[in-house]
Amino acid sequence: MFNSLGNLAVDNAAALLFADFATGHTVHLSGTAVLEWSPDGSDDDESSTGRRVRFHIGSVVDGCGAPRHTSHPVRRPPHRKD
């Protein structure tokens, strides 16, 4: 999601994109994300890291923007040399 979790302290705007490459279907979630800290060993610490990112959905865009996955190699147009 971010290069570092410290980015959330500066700007909490966040987005997630889920793509089904077999069908080309996408779901784009945008909103805000908050870094939450918990004491080590507490019941709230599911991953034993002492932190989690909580994502709050602001909007959802349902679409077909992803390229479809194919088992065939992509063919280059005849005019391209690369």
PDB file of N, CA and C in Angstrom:
ATOM      1  N   MET A   1       0.830  -1.187   0.000  1.00  0.00           N
ATOM      2  CA  MET A   1       0.000   0.000   0.000  1.00  0.00           C
ATOM      3  C   MET A   1       0.874   1.250   0.000  1.00  0.00           C
ATOM      4  N   PHE A   2       1.891   1.288   0.819  1.00  0.00           N
ATOM      5  CA  PHE A   2       2.784   2.433   0.888  1.00  0.00           C
ATOM      6  C   PHE A   2       4.216   1.923   0.972  1.00  0.00           C
ATOM      7  N   ASN A   3       5.181   2.778   0.636  1.00  0.00           N
ATOM      8  CA  ASN A   3       6.580   2.406   0.804  1.00  0.00           C
ATOM      9  C   ASN A   3       6.913   2.280   2.281  1.00  0.00           C
ATOM     10  N   SER A   4       6.286   3.099   3.111  1.00  0.00           N
ATOM     11  CA  SER A   4       6.470   2.981   4.549  1.00  0.00           C
ATOM     12  C   SER A   4       5.175   3.375   5.235  1.00  0.00           C
ATOM     13  N   LEU A   5       4.957   2.820   6.407  1.00  0.00           N
ATOM     14  CA  LEU A   5       3.736   3.155   7.138  1.00  0.00           C
ATOM     15  C   LEU A   5       3.751   4.591   7.629  1.00  0.00           C
ATOM     16  N   GLY A   6       4.926   5.213   7.678  1.00  0.00           N
ATOM     17  CA  GLY A   6       5.031   6.604   8.089  1.00  0.00           C
ATOM     18  C   GLY A   6       4.315   7.550   7.136  1.00  0.00           C
ATOM     19  N   ASN A   7       4.115   7.136   5.889  1.00  0.00           N
ATOM     20  CA  ASN A   7       3.378   7.983   4.943  1.00  0.00           C
ATOM     21  C   ASN A   7       1.962   8.255   5.420  1.00  0.00           C
ATOM     22  N   LEU A   8       1.382   7.330   6.157  1.00  0.00           N
ATOM     23  CA  LEU A   8       0.014   7.523   6.654  1.00  0.00           C
ATOM     24  C   LEU A   8      -0.072   8.665   7.654  1.00  0.00           C
ATOM     25  N   ALA A   9       0.981   8.922   8.373  1.00  0.00           N
ATOM     26  CA  ALA A   9       0.977  10.021   9.338  1.00  0.00           C
ATOM     27  C   ALA A   9       0.948  11.368   8.636  1.00  0.00           C
ATOM     28  N   VAL A  10       1.490  11.420   7.433  1.00  0.00           N
ATOM     29  CA  VAL A  10       1.535  12.668   6.674  1.00  0.00           C
ATOM     30  C   VAL A  10       0.262  12.866   5.861  1.00  0.00           C
ATOM     31  N   ASP A  11      -0.205  11.798   5.206  1.00  0.00           N
ATOM     32  CA  ASP A  11      -1.392  11.877   4.350  1.00  0.00           C
ATOM     33  C   ASP A  11      -2.140  10.564   4.473  1.00  0.00           C
ATOM     34  N   ASN A  12      -3.333  10.597   5.028  1.00  0.00           N
ATOM     35  CA  ASN A  12      -4.064   9.355   5.263  1.00  0.00           C
ATOM     36  C   ASN A  12      -4.945   8.934   4.092  1.00  0.00           C
ATOM     37  N   ALA A  13      -4.883   9.647   2.957  1.00  0.00           N
ATOM     38  CA  ALA A  13      -5.634   9.235   1.775  1.00  0.00           C
ATOM     39  C   ALA A  13      -5.037   7.927   1.254  1.00  0.00           C
ATOM     40  N   ALA A  14      -5.909   6.971   0.925  1.00  0.00           N
ATOM     41  CA  ALA A  14      -5.436   5.670   0.474  1.00  0.00           C
ATOM     42  C   ALA A  14      -6.425   5.083  -0.527  1.00  0.00           C
ATOM     43  N   ALA A  15      -5.940   4.152  -1.329  1.00  0.00           N
ATOM     44  CA  ALA A  15      -6.797   3.466  -2.292  1.00  0.00           C
ATOM     45  C   ALA A  15      -6.307   2.040  -2.461  1.00  0.00           C
ATOM     46  N   LEU A  16      -7.242   1.166  -2.764  1.00  0.00           N
ATOM     47  CA  LEU A  16      -6.943  -0.240  -3.034  1.00  0.00           C
ATOM     48  C   LEU A  16      -7.603  -0.609  -4.353  1.00  0.00           C
ATOM     49  N   LEU A  17      -6.924  -1.393  -5.173  1.00  0.00           N
ATOM     50  CA  LEU A  17      -7.482  -1.860  -6.436  1.00  0.00           C
ATOM     51  C   LEU A  17      -7.425  -3.377  -6.447  1.00  0.00           C
ATOM     52  N   PHE A  18      -8.566  -4.003  -6.660  1.00  0.00           N
ATOM     53  CA  PHE A  18      -8.663  -5.450  -6.770  1.00  0.00           C
ATOM     54  C   PHE A  18      -9.019  -5.768  -8.213  1.00  0.00           C
ATOM     55  N   ALA A  19      -8.251  -6.636  -8.838  1.00  0.00           N
ATOM     56  CA  ALA A  19      -8.466  -6.960 -10.248  1.00  0.00           C
ATOM     57  C   ALA A  19      -8.610  -8.464 -10.436  1.00  0.00           C
ATOM     58  N   ASP A  20      -9.579  -8.843 -11.251  1.00  0.00           N
ATOM     59  CA  ASP A  20      -9.737 -10.230 -11.682  1.00  0.00           C
ATOM     60  C   ASP A  20      -9.251 -10.267 -13.120  1.00  0.00           C
ATOM     61  N   PHE A  21      -8.033 -10.730 -13.323  1.00  0.00           N
ATOM     62  CA  PHE A  21      -7.442 -10.682 -14.652  1.00  0.00           C
ATOM     63  C   PHE A  21      -8.068 -11.675 -15.607  1.00  0.00           C
ATOM     64  N   ALA A  22      -8.775 -12.657 -15.089  1.00  0.00           N
ATOM     65  CA  ALA A  22      -9.454 -13.609 -15.965  1.00  0.00           C
ATOM     66  C   ALA A  22     -10.662 -12.972 -16.646  1.00  0.00           C
ATOM     67  N   THR A  23     -11.336 -12.078 -15.928  1.00  0.00           N
ATOM     68  CA  THR A  23     -12.549 -11.461 -16.483  1.00  0.00           C
ATOM     69  C   THR A  23     -12.364  -9.996 -16.847  1.00  0.00           C
ATOM     70  N   GLY A  24     -11.314  -9.356 -16.318  1.00  0.00           N
ATOM     71  CA  GLY A  24     -11.123  -7.932 -16.547  1.00  0.00           C
ATOM     72  C   GLY A  24     -11.894  -7.060 -15.571  1.00  0.00           C
ATOM     73  N   HIS A  25     -12.577  -7.671 -14.617  1.00  0.00           N
ATOM     74  CA  HIS A  25     -13.386  -6.925 -13.648  1.00  0.00           C
ATOM     75  C   HIS A  25     -12.485  -6.313 -12.576  1.00  0.00           C
ATOM     76  N   THR A  26     -12.777  -5.082 -12.173  1.00  0.00           N
ATOM     77  CA  THR A  26     -12.018  -4.410 -11.123  1.00  0.00           C
ATOM     78  C   THR A  26     -12.960  -3.815 -10.087  1.00  0.00           C
ATOM     79  N   VAL A  27     -12.438  -3.662  -8.895  1.00  0.00           N
ATOM     80  CA  VAL A  27     -13.114  -2.922  -7.834  1.00  0.00           C
ATOM     81  C   VAL A  27     -12.065  -1.990  -7.234  1.00  0.00           C
ATOM     82  N   HIS A  28     -12.356  -0.689  -7.251  1.00  0.00           N
ATOM     83  CA  HIS A  28     -11.436   0.323  -6.735  1.00  0.00           C
ATOM     84  C   HIS A  28     -12.051   0.926  -5.476  1.00  0.00           C
ATOM     85  N   LEU A  29     -11.341   0.818  -4.359  1.00  0.00           N
ATOM     86  CA  LEU A  29     -11.794   1.390  -3.094  1.00  0.00           C
ATOM     87  C   LEU A  29     -10.904   2.578  -2.773  1.00  0.00           C
ATOM     88  N   SER A  30     -11.495   3.699  -2.426  1.00  0.00           N
ATOM     89  CA  SER A  30     -10.699   4.840  -1.979  1.00  0.00           C
ATOM     90  C   SER A  30     -11.267   5.332  -0.659  1.00  0.00           C
ATOM     91  N   GLY A  31     -10.408   5.925   0.130  1.00  0.00           N
ATOM     92  CA  GLY A  31     -10.823   6.399   1.441  1.00  0.00           C
ATOM     93  C   GLY A  31      -9.622   6.860   2.238  1.00  0.00           C
ATOM     94  N   THR A  32      -9.636   6.535   3.519  1.00  0.00           N
ATOM     95  CA  THR A  32      -8.544   6.913   4.397  1.00  0.00           C
ATOM     96  C   THR A  32      -8.039   5.676   5.135  1.00  0.00           C
ATOM     97  N   ALA A  33      -6.778   5.739   5.545  1.00  0.00           N
ATOM     98  CA  ALA A  33      -6.177   4.639   6.292  1.00  0.00           C
ATOM     99  C   ALA A  33      -5.533   5.200   7.551  1.00  0.00           C
ATOM    100  N   VAL A  34      -5.642   4.455   8.629  1.00  0.00           N
ATOM    101  CA  VAL A  34      -5.105   4.879   9.918  1.00  0.00           C
ATOM    102  C   VAL A  34      -4.218   3.761  10.458  1.00  0.00           C
ATOM    103  N   LEU A  35      -3.040   4.124  10.903  1.00  0.00           N
ATOM    104  CA  LEU A  35      -2.138   3.166  11.530  1.00  0.00           C
ATOM    105  C   LEU A  35      -2.495   3.080  13.011  1.00  0.00           C
ATOM    106  N   GLU A  36      -2.817   1.870  13.470  1.00  0.00           N
ATOM    107  CA  GLU A  36      -3.187   1.663  14.872  1.00  0.00           C
ATOM    108  C   GLU A  36      -2.122   0.818  15.544  1.00  0.00           C
ATOM    109  N   TRP A  37      -1.744   1.208  16.748  1.00  0.00           N
ATOM    110  CA  TRP A  37      -0.738   0.493  17.531  1.00  0.00           C
ATOM    111  C   TRP A  37      -1.422  -0.243  18.673  1.00  0.00           C
ATOM    112  N   SER A  38      -0.929  -1.406  19.011  1.00  0.00           N
ATOM    113  CA  SER A  38      -1.445  -2.153  20.158  1.00  0.00           C
ATOM    114  C   SER A  38      -0.253  -2.670  20.966  1.00  0.00           C
ATOM    115  N   PRO A  39      -0.458  -2.865  22.258  1.00  0.00           N
ATOM    116  CA  PRO A  39       0.629  -3.380  23.094  1.00  0.00           C
ATOM    117  C   PRO A  39       1.037  -4.788  22.640  1.00  0.00           C
ATOM    118  N   ASP A  40       2.323  -5.097  22.716  1.00  0.00           N
ATOM    119  CA  ASP A  40       2.805  -6.428  22.344  1.00  0.00           C
ATOM    120  C   ASP A  40       2.090  -7.497  23.161  1.00  0.00           C
ATOM    121  N   GLY A  41       1.672  -8.547  22.474  1.00  0.00           N
ATOM    122  CA  GLY A  41       1.031  -9.670  23.153  1.00  0.00           C
ATOM    123  C   GLY A  41      -0.420  -9.449  23.510  1.00  0.00           C
ATOM    124  N   SER A  42      -1.001  -8.317  23.152  1.00  0.00           N
ATOM    125  CA  SER A  42      -2.404  -8.086  23.485  1.00  0.00           C
ATOM    126  C   SER A  42      -3.305  -8.902  22.557  1.00  0.00           C
ATOM    127  N   ASP A  43      -4.545  -9.089  22.948  1.00  0.00           N
ATOM    128  CA  ASP A  43      -5.506  -9.850  22.144  1.00  0.00           C
ATOM    129  C   ASP A  43      -5.796  -9.163  20.804  1.00  0.00           C
ATOM    130  N   ASP A  44      -5.591  -7.844  20.728  1.00  0.00           N
ATOM    131  CA  ASP A  44      -5.842  -7.103  19.493  1.00  0.00           C
ATOM    132  C   ASP A  44      -4.723  -7.249  18.474  1.00  0.00           C
ATOM    133  N   ASP A  45      -3.628  -7.852  18.856  1.00  0.00           N
ATOM    134  CA  ASP A  45      -2.451  -7.943  17.989  1.00  0.00           C
ATOM    135  C   ASP A  45      -2.457  -9.278  17.245  1.00  0.00           C
ATOM    136  N   GLU A  46      -3.266  -9.352  16.159  1.00  0.00           N
ATOM    137  CA  GLU A  46      -3.436 -10.609  15.433  1.00  0.00           C
ATOM    138  C   GLU A  46      -2.150 -11.103  14.788  1.00  0.00           C
ATOM    139  N   SER A  47      -1.313 -10.193  14.294  1.00  0.00           N
ATOM    140  CA  SER A  47      -0.125 -10.611  13.549  1.00  0.00           C
ATOM    141  C   SER A  47       1.162 -10.501  14.365  1.00  0.00           C
ATOM    142  N   SER A  48       1.057 -10.193  15.631  1.00  0.00           N
ATOM    143  CA  SER A  48       2.201 -10.062  16.535  1.00  0.00           C
ATOM    144  C   SER A  48       3.197  -8.997  16.087  1.00  0.00           C
ATOM    145  N   THR A  49       2.709  -7.952  15.417  1.00  0.00           N
ATOM    146  CA  THR A  49       3.585  -6.857  14.992  1.00  0.00           C
ATOM    147  C   THR A  49       3.391  -5.617  15.850  1.00  0.00           C
ATOM    148  N   GLY A  50       2.281  -5.563  16.589  1.00  0.00           N
ATOM    149  CA  GLY A  50       1.998  -4.385  17.390  1.00  0.00           C
ATOM    150  C   GLY A  50       1.355  -3.253  16.587  1.00  0.00           C
ATOM    151  N   ARG A  51       1.035  -3.523  15.334  1.00  0.00           N
ATOM    152  CA  ARG A  51       0.426  -2.479  14.507  1.00  0.00           C
ATOM    153  C   ARG A  51      -0.510  -3.110  13.479  1.00  0.00           C
ATOM    154  N   ARG A  52      -1.417  -2.293  13.002  1.00  0.00           N
ATOM    155  CA  ARG A  52      -2.298  -2.687  11.904  1.00  0.00           C
ATOM    156  C   ARG A  52      -2.737  -1.435  11.176  1.00  0.00           C
ATOM    157  N   VAL A  53      -3.131  -1.595   9.947  1.00  0.00           N
ATOM    158  CA  VAL A  53      -3.674  -0.489   9.163  1.00  0.00           C
ATOM    159  C   VAL A  53      -5.167  -0.724   9.042  1.00  0.00           C
ATOM    160  N   ARG A  54      -5.935   0.270   9.475  1.00  0.00           N
ATOM    161  CA  ARG A  54      -7.395   0.186   9.353  1.00  0.00           C
ATOM    162  C   ARG A  54      -7.807   1.097   8.198  1.00  0.00           C
ATOM    163  N   PHE A  55      -8.470   0.504   7.219  1.00  0.00           N
ATOM    164  CA  PHE A  55      -8.892   1.223   6.018  1.00  0.00           C
ATOM    165  C   PHE A  55     -10.370   1.575   6.138  1.00  0.00           C
ATOM    166  N   HIS A  56     -10.688   2.852   5.927  1.00  0.00           N
ATOM    167  CA  HIS A  56     -12.073   3.329   5.975  1.00  0.00           C
ATOM    168  C   HIS A  56     -12.501   3.683   4.552  1.00  0.00           C
ATOM    169  N   ILE A  57     -13.505   2.993   4.043  1.00  0.00           N
ATOM    170  CA  ILE A  57     -13.941   3.172   2.653  1.00  0.00           C
ATOM    171  C   ILE A  57     -14.719   4.471   2.507  1.00  0.00           C
ATOM    172  N   GLY A  58     -14.302   5.282   1.536  1.00  0.00           N
ATOM    173  CA  GLY A  58     -15.011   6.520   1.203  1.00  0.00           C
ATOM    174  C   GLY A  58     -15.844   6.362  -0.053  1.00  0.00           C
ATOM    175  N   SER A  59     -15.300   5.629  -1.046  1.00  0.00           N
ATOM    176  CA  SER A  59     -16.055   5.388  -2.279  1.00  0.00           C
ATOM    177  C   SER A  59     -15.619   4.079  -2.904  1.00  0.00           C
ATOM    178  N   VAL A  60     -16.523   3.515  -3.706  1.00  0.00           N
ATOM    179  CA  VAL A  60     -16.287   2.253  -4.399  1.00  0.00           C
ATOM    180  C   VAL A  60     -16.605   2.472  -5.872  1.00  0.00           C
ATOM    181  N   VAL A  61     -15.676   2.054  -6.732  1.00  0.00           N
ATOM    182  CA  VAL A  61     -15.916   2.124  -8.176  1.00  0.00           C
ATOM    183  C   VAL A  61     -15.806   0.703  -8.706  1.00  0.00           C
ATOM    184  N   ASP A  62     -16.888   0.219  -9.285  1.00  0.00           N
ATOM    185  CA  ASP A  62     -16.972  -1.122  -9.833  1.00  0.00           C
ATOM    186  C   ASP A  62     -16.799  -1.009 -11.341  1.00  0.00           C
ATOM    187  N   GLY A  63     -15.817  -1.704 -11.902  1.00  0.00           N
ATOM    188  CA  GLY A  63     -15.599  -1.515 -13.329  1.00  0.00           C
ATOM    189  C   GLY A  63     -14.921  -2.665 -14.019  1.00  0.00           C
ATOM    190  N   CYS A  64     -14.603  -2.429 -15.268  1.00  0.00           N
ATOM    191  CA  CYS A  64     -13.960  -3.436 -16.119  1.00  0.00           C
ATOM    192  C   CYS A  64     -12.695  -2.849 -16.715  1.00  0.00           C
ATOM    193  N   GLY A  65     -11.807  -2.318 -15.888  1.00  0.00           N
ATOM    194  CA  GLY A  65     -10.637  -1.635 -16.408  1.00  0.00           C
ATOM    195  C   GLY A  65      -9.374  -2.463 -16.517  1.00  0.00           C
ATOM    196  N   ALA A  66      -9.353  -3.664 -15.972  1.00  0.00           N
ATOM    197  CA  ALA A  66      -8.117  -4.450 -15.989  1.00  0.00           C
ATOM    198  C   ALA A  66      -7.987  -5.216 -17.293  1.00  0.00           C
ATOM    199  N   PRO A  67      -6.759  -5.389 -17.759  1.00  0.00           N
ATOM    200  CA  PRO A  67      -6.581  -6.215 -18.949  1.00  0.00           C
ATOM    201  C   PRO A  67      -6.907  -7.665 -18.638  1.00  0.00           C
ATOM    202  N   ARG A  68      -7.478  -8.350 -19.576  1.00  0.00           N
ATOM    203  CA  ARG A  68      -7.830  -9.749 -19.370  1.00  0.00           C
ATOM    204  C   ARG A  68      -6.592 -10.615 -19.473  1.00  0.00           C
ATOM    205  N   HIS A  69      -6.518 -11.606 -18.616  1.00  0.00           N
ATOM    206  CA  HIS A  69      -5.391 -12.547 -18.656  1.00  0.00           C
ATOM    207  C   HIS A  69      -5.616 -13.522 -19.806  1.00  0.00           C
ATOM    208  N   THR A  70      -4.570 -13.803 -20.519  1.00  0.00           N
ATOM    209  CA  THR A  70      -4.660 -14.756 -21.610  1.00  0.00           C
ATOM    210  C   THR A  70      -3.456 -15.679 -21.568  1.00  0.00           C
ATOM    211  N   SER A  71      -3.636 -16.885 -21.993  1.00  0.00           N
ATOM    212  CA  SER A  71      -2.511 -17.813 -22.038  1.00  0.00           C
ATOM    213  C   SER A  71      -1.698 -17.624 -23.314  1.00  0.00           C
ATOM    214  N   HIS A  72      -2.169 -16.799 -24.235  1.00  0.00           N
ATOM    215  CA  HIS A  72      -1.456 -16.536 -25.484  1.00  0.00           C
ATOM    216  C   HIS A  72      -0.504 -15.367 -25.279  1.00  0.00           C
ATOM    217  N   PRO A  73       0.646 -15.408 -25.909  1.00  0.00           N
ATOM    218  CA  PRO A  73       1.540 -14.246 -25.817  1.00  0.00           C
ATOM    219  C   PRO A  73       0.911 -13.041 -26.506  1.00  0.00           C
ATOM    220  N   VAL A  74       1.220 -11.876 -25.985  1.00  0.00           N
ATOM    221  CA  VAL A  74       0.698 -10.649 -26.585  1.00  0.00           C
ATOM    222  C   VAL A  74       1.437 -10.402 -27.893  1.00  0.00           C
ATOM    223  N   ARG A  75       0.699 -10.186 -28.965  1.00  0.00           N
ATOM    224  CA  ARG A  75       1.324  -9.939 -30.268  1.00  0.00           C
ATOM    225  C   ARG A  75       1.562  -8.455 -30.443  1.00  0.00           C
ATOM    226  N   ARG A  76       2.737  -8.136 -30.902  1.00  0.00           N
ATOM    227  CA  ARG A  76       3.082  -6.737 -31.178  1.00  0.00           C
ATOM    228  C   ARG A  76       2.510  -6.341 -32.532  1.00  0.00           C
ATOM    229  N   PRO A  77       2.086  -5.091 -32.664  1.00  0.00           N
ATOM    230  CA  PRO A  77       1.628  -4.638 -33.982  1.00  0.00           C
ATOM    231  C   PRO A  77       2.778  -4.778 -34.985  1.00  0.00           C
ATOM    232  N   PRO A  78       2.473  -5.025 -36.247  1.00  0.00           N
ATOM    233  CA  PRO A  78       3.539  -5.282 -37.228  1.00  0.00           C
ATOM    234  C   PRO A  78       4.507  -4.116 -37.415  1.00  0.00           C
ATOM    235  N   HIS A  79       4.078  -2.891 -37.141  1.00  0.00           N
ATOM    236  CA  HIS A  79       4.956  -1.736 -37.354  1.00  0.00           C
ATOM    237  C   HIS A  79       5.958  -1.537 -36.216  1.00  0.00           C
ATOM    238  N   ARG A  80       5.817  -2.243 -35.091  1.00  0.00           N
ATOM    239  CA  ARG A  80       6.749  -2.100 -33.979  1.00  0.00           C
ATOM    240  C   ARG A  80       7.916  -3.043 -34.144  1.00  0.00           C
ATOM    241  N   LYS A  81       9.107  -2.562 -33.873  1.00  0.00           N
ATOM    242  CA  LYS A  81      10.331  -3.355 -34.017  1.00  0.00           C
ATOM    243  C   LYS A  81      10.822  -3.943 -32.703  1.00  0.00           C
ATOM    244  N   ASP A  82      10.319  -3.467 -31.549  1.00  0.00           N
ATOM    245  CA  ASP A  82      10.859  -3.947 -30.266  1.00  0.00           C
ATOM    246  C   ASP A  82      10.197  -5.177 -29.744  1.00  0.00           C
TER     247      ASP A  82
END
